[in-house]
Amino acid sequence: MAPNADALLISCGGLNTLHLTKGLEDRLGIPVVSSMPAGLWAAMRLVGESGSIKGHGRLFD
């Protein structure tokens, strides 16, 4: 990872990453976004939900 990175993007729809995001953010100190959880978050927002799922990283907090 680049030492001055602002965030980490994990780009692959086939990877199960939701359970990894919070730990990676805690370890790296930067936001971590993955394509499948980001799609889930966007779908939740489209149907009127808050998109909040505690314990799964900054996007969901």
N, C-alpha and C. Protein backbone atom coordinates (compact mmCIF):
# COMPACT_ATOMS: atom_id res chain seq x y z
N MET A 1 0.83 -1.17 0.00
CA MET A 1 0.00 0.00 0.00
C MET A 1 0.88 1.24 0.00
N ALA A 2 0.45 2.28 -0.68
CA ALA A 2 1.18 3.54 -0.72
C ALA A 2 1.15 4.20 0.66
N PRO A 3 2.27 4.69 1.16
CA PRO A 3 2.31 5.24 2.51
C PRO A 3 1.43 6.47 2.72
N ASN A 4 1.13 7.21 1.68
CA ASN A 4 0.30 8.42 1.80
C ASN A 4 -1.10 8.23 1.24
N ALA A 5 -1.56 7.01 1.16
CA ALA A 5 -2.89 6.74 0.60
C ALA A 5 -3.98 7.36 1.46
N ASP A 6 -5.02 7.88 0.81
CA ASP A 6 -6.18 8.47 1.51
C ASP A 6 -7.21 7.40 1.86
N ALA A 7 -7.22 6.30 1.12
CA ALA A 7 -8.20 5.23 1.32
C ALA A 7 -7.70 3.99 0.60
N LEU A 8 -8.36 2.87 0.88
CA LEU A 8 -8.06 1.61 0.20
C LEU A 8 -9.33 1.14 -0.50
N LEU A 9 -9.24 0.88 -1.78
CA LEU A 9 -10.35 0.36 -2.57
C LEU A 9 -10.06 -1.09 -2.92
N ILE A 10 -10.97 -1.97 -2.54
CA ILE A 10 -10.88 -3.38 -2.91
C ILE A 10 -11.92 -3.58 -4.00
N SER A 11 -11.47 -3.73 -5.23
CA SER A 11 -12.39 -3.75 -6.36
C SER A 11 -12.53 -5.16 -6.93
N CYS A 12 -13.50 -5.88 -6.43
CA CYS A 12 -13.84 -7.18 -6.98
C CYS A 12 -15.17 -7.61 -6.39
N GLY A 13 -16.16 -7.75 -7.22
CA GLY A 13 -17.49 -8.11 -6.76
C GLY A 13 -17.59 -9.52 -6.22
N GLY A 14 -16.62 -10.37 -6.50
CA GLY A 14 -16.70 -11.75 -6.07
C GLY A 14 -16.07 -12.02 -4.71
N LEU A 15 -15.46 -11.01 -4.10
CA LEU A 15 -14.80 -11.22 -2.81
C LEU A 15 -15.75 -10.91 -1.66
N ASN A 16 -15.76 -11.77 -0.67
CA ASN A 16 -16.55 -11.56 0.54
C ASN A 16 -15.72 -10.70 1.49
N THR A 17 -15.96 -9.40 1.49
CA THR A 17 -15.09 -8.48 2.23
C THR A 17 -15.78 -7.72 3.36
N LEU A 18 -17.08 -7.84 3.50
CA LEU A 18 -17.79 -7.06 4.51
C LEU A 18 -17.21 -7.27 5.90
N HIS A 19 -16.86 -8.48 6.23
CA HIS A 19 -16.32 -8.79 7.56
C HIS A 19 -14.88 -8.31 7.76
N LEU A 20 -14.20 -7.93 6.70
CA LEU A 20 -12.81 -7.49 6.79
C LEU A 20 -12.63 -5.99 6.93
N THR A 21 -13.63 -5.23 6.50
CA THR A 21 -13.49 -3.79 6.36
C THR A 21 -13.11 -3.09 7.65
N LYS A 22 -13.82 -3.33 8.73
CA LYS A 22 -13.58 -2.64 10.01
C LYS A 22 -12.16 -2.91 10.51
N GLY A 23 -11.73 -4.16 10.48
CA GLY A 23 -10.39 -4.50 10.94
C GLY A 23 -9.30 -3.83 10.12
N LEU A 24 -9.50 -3.79 8.81
CA LEU A 24 -8.52 -3.12 7.94
C LEU A 24 -8.47 -1.63 8.22
N GLU A 25 -9.64 -1.01 8.41
CA GLU A 25 -9.65 0.42 8.72
C GLU A 25 -8.94 0.70 10.04
N ASP A 26 -9.18 -0.14 11.05
CA ASP A 26 -8.52 0.05 12.34
C ASP A 26 -7.01 -0.11 12.20
N ARG A 27 -6.59 -1.09 11.44
CA ARG A 27 -5.16 -1.36 11.27
C ARG A 27 -4.46 -0.29 10.44
N LEU A 28 -5.11 0.16 9.35
CA LEU A 28 -4.48 1.09 8.42
C LEU A 28 -4.74 2.56 8.76
N GLY A 29 -5.82 2.83 9.48
CA GLY A 29 -6.15 4.21 9.84
C GLY A 29 -6.74 5.03 8.70
N ILE A 30 -7.24 4.36 7.67
CA ILE A 30 -7.85 5.04 6.53
C ILE A 30 -9.14 4.31 6.16
N PRO A 31 -10.06 4.96 5.43
CA PRO A 31 -11.28 4.29 4.99
C PRO A 31 -10.96 3.15 4.02
N VAL A 32 -11.73 2.08 4.12
CA VAL A 32 -11.62 0.94 3.22
C VAL A 32 -12.98 0.74 2.57
N VAL A 33 -13.01 0.72 1.24
CA VAL A 33 -14.25 0.53 0.49
C VAL A 33 -14.07 -0.64 -0.44
N SER A 34 -15.07 -1.50 -0.46
CA SER A 34 -15.07 -2.65 -1.36
C SER A 34 -16.33 -2.60 -2.20
N SER A 35 -16.26 -3.10 -3.42
CA SER A 35 -17.36 -2.92 -4.36
C SER A 35 -18.67 -3.58 -3.92
N MET A 36 -18.64 -4.79 -3.39
CA MET A 36 -19.89 -5.43 -2.99
C MET A 36 -20.55 -4.74 -1.80
N PRO A 37 -19.84 -4.45 -0.70
CA PRO A 37 -20.47 -3.72 0.39
C PRO A 37 -20.94 -2.32 -0.03
N ALA A 38 -20.20 -1.66 -0.91
CA ALA A 38 -20.64 -0.34 -1.39
C ALA A 38 -21.94 -0.47 -2.17
N GLY A 39 -22.07 -1.53 -2.95
CA GLY A 39 -23.32 -1.77 -3.68
C GLY A 39 -24.48 -2.06 -2.74
N LEU A 40 -24.22 -2.81 -1.68
CA LEU A 40 -25.23 -3.09 -0.66
C LEU A 40 -25.67 -1.80 0.01
N TRP A 41 -24.70 -0.97 0.39
CA TRP A 41 -25.01 0.32 1.01
C TRP A 41 -25.88 1.17 0.09
N ALA A 42 -25.51 1.25 -1.18
CA ALA A 42 -26.28 2.05 -2.15
C ALA A 42 -27.69 1.50 -2.32
N ALA A 43 -27.84 0.18 -2.36
CA ALA A 43 -29.16 -0.44 -2.49
C ALA A 43 -30.03 -0.13 -1.27
N MET A 44 -29.43 -0.18 -0.09
CA MET A 44 -30.17 0.15 1.13
C MET A 44 -30.67 1.59 1.07
N ARG A 45 -29.83 2.49 0.61
CA ARG A 45 -30.22 3.90 0.50
C ARG A 45 -31.32 4.10 -0.53
N LEU A 46 -31.27 3.35 -1.63
CA LEU A 46 -32.29 3.46 -2.67
C LEU A 46 -33.67 3.06 -2.18
N VAL A 47 -33.75 2.12 -1.26
CA VAL A 47 -35.06 1.67 -0.76
C VAL A 47 -35.47 2.43 0.51
N GLY A 48 -34.73 3.47 0.85
CA GLY A 48 -35.12 4.34 1.95
C GLY A 48 -34.54 4.00 3.30
N GLU A 49 -33.64 3.06 3.37
CA GLU A 49 -32.97 2.73 4.63
C GLU A 49 -31.79 3.66 4.86
N SER A 50 -31.29 3.71 6.07
CA SER A 50 -30.19 4.62 6.41
C SER A 50 -28.86 4.17 5.83
N GLY A 51 -28.71 2.87 5.59
CA GLY A 51 -27.43 2.34 5.13
C GLY A 51 -26.48 2.05 6.27
N SER A 52 -26.97 2.17 7.50
CA SER A 52 -26.12 1.98 8.67
C SER A 52 -26.14 0.53 9.15
N ILE A 53 -24.96 -0.05 9.27
CA ILE A 53 -24.78 -1.37 9.86
C ILE A 53 -23.56 -1.25 10.77
N LYS A 54 -23.78 -1.16 12.05
CA LYS A 54 -22.68 -0.94 13.01
C LYS A 54 -21.65 -2.07 12.95
N GLY A 55 -20.39 -1.66 13.07
CA GLY A 55 -19.30 -2.63 13.14
C GLY A 55 -18.74 -3.07 11.81
N HIS A 56 -19.16 -2.41 10.72
CA HIS A 56 -18.68 -2.81 9.40
C HIS A 56 -17.97 -1.69 8.65
N GLY A 57 -17.35 -0.77 9.39
CA GLY A 57 -16.54 0.25 8.76
C GLY A 57 -17.23 1.58 8.59
N ARG A 58 -16.45 2.53 8.14
CA ARG A 58 -16.90 3.92 8.05
C ARG A 58 -18.06 4.14 7.10
N LEU A 59 -18.10 3.44 6.00
CA LEU A 59 -19.21 3.60 5.04
C LEU A 59 -20.54 3.30 5.71
N PHE A 60 -20.58 2.25 6.50
CA PHE A 60 -21.83 1.83 7.12
C PHE A 60 -22.11 2.52 8.45
N ASP A 61 -21.12 3.18 9.04
CA ASP A 61 -21.35 3.91 10.29
C ASP A 61 -22.06 5.21 9.98
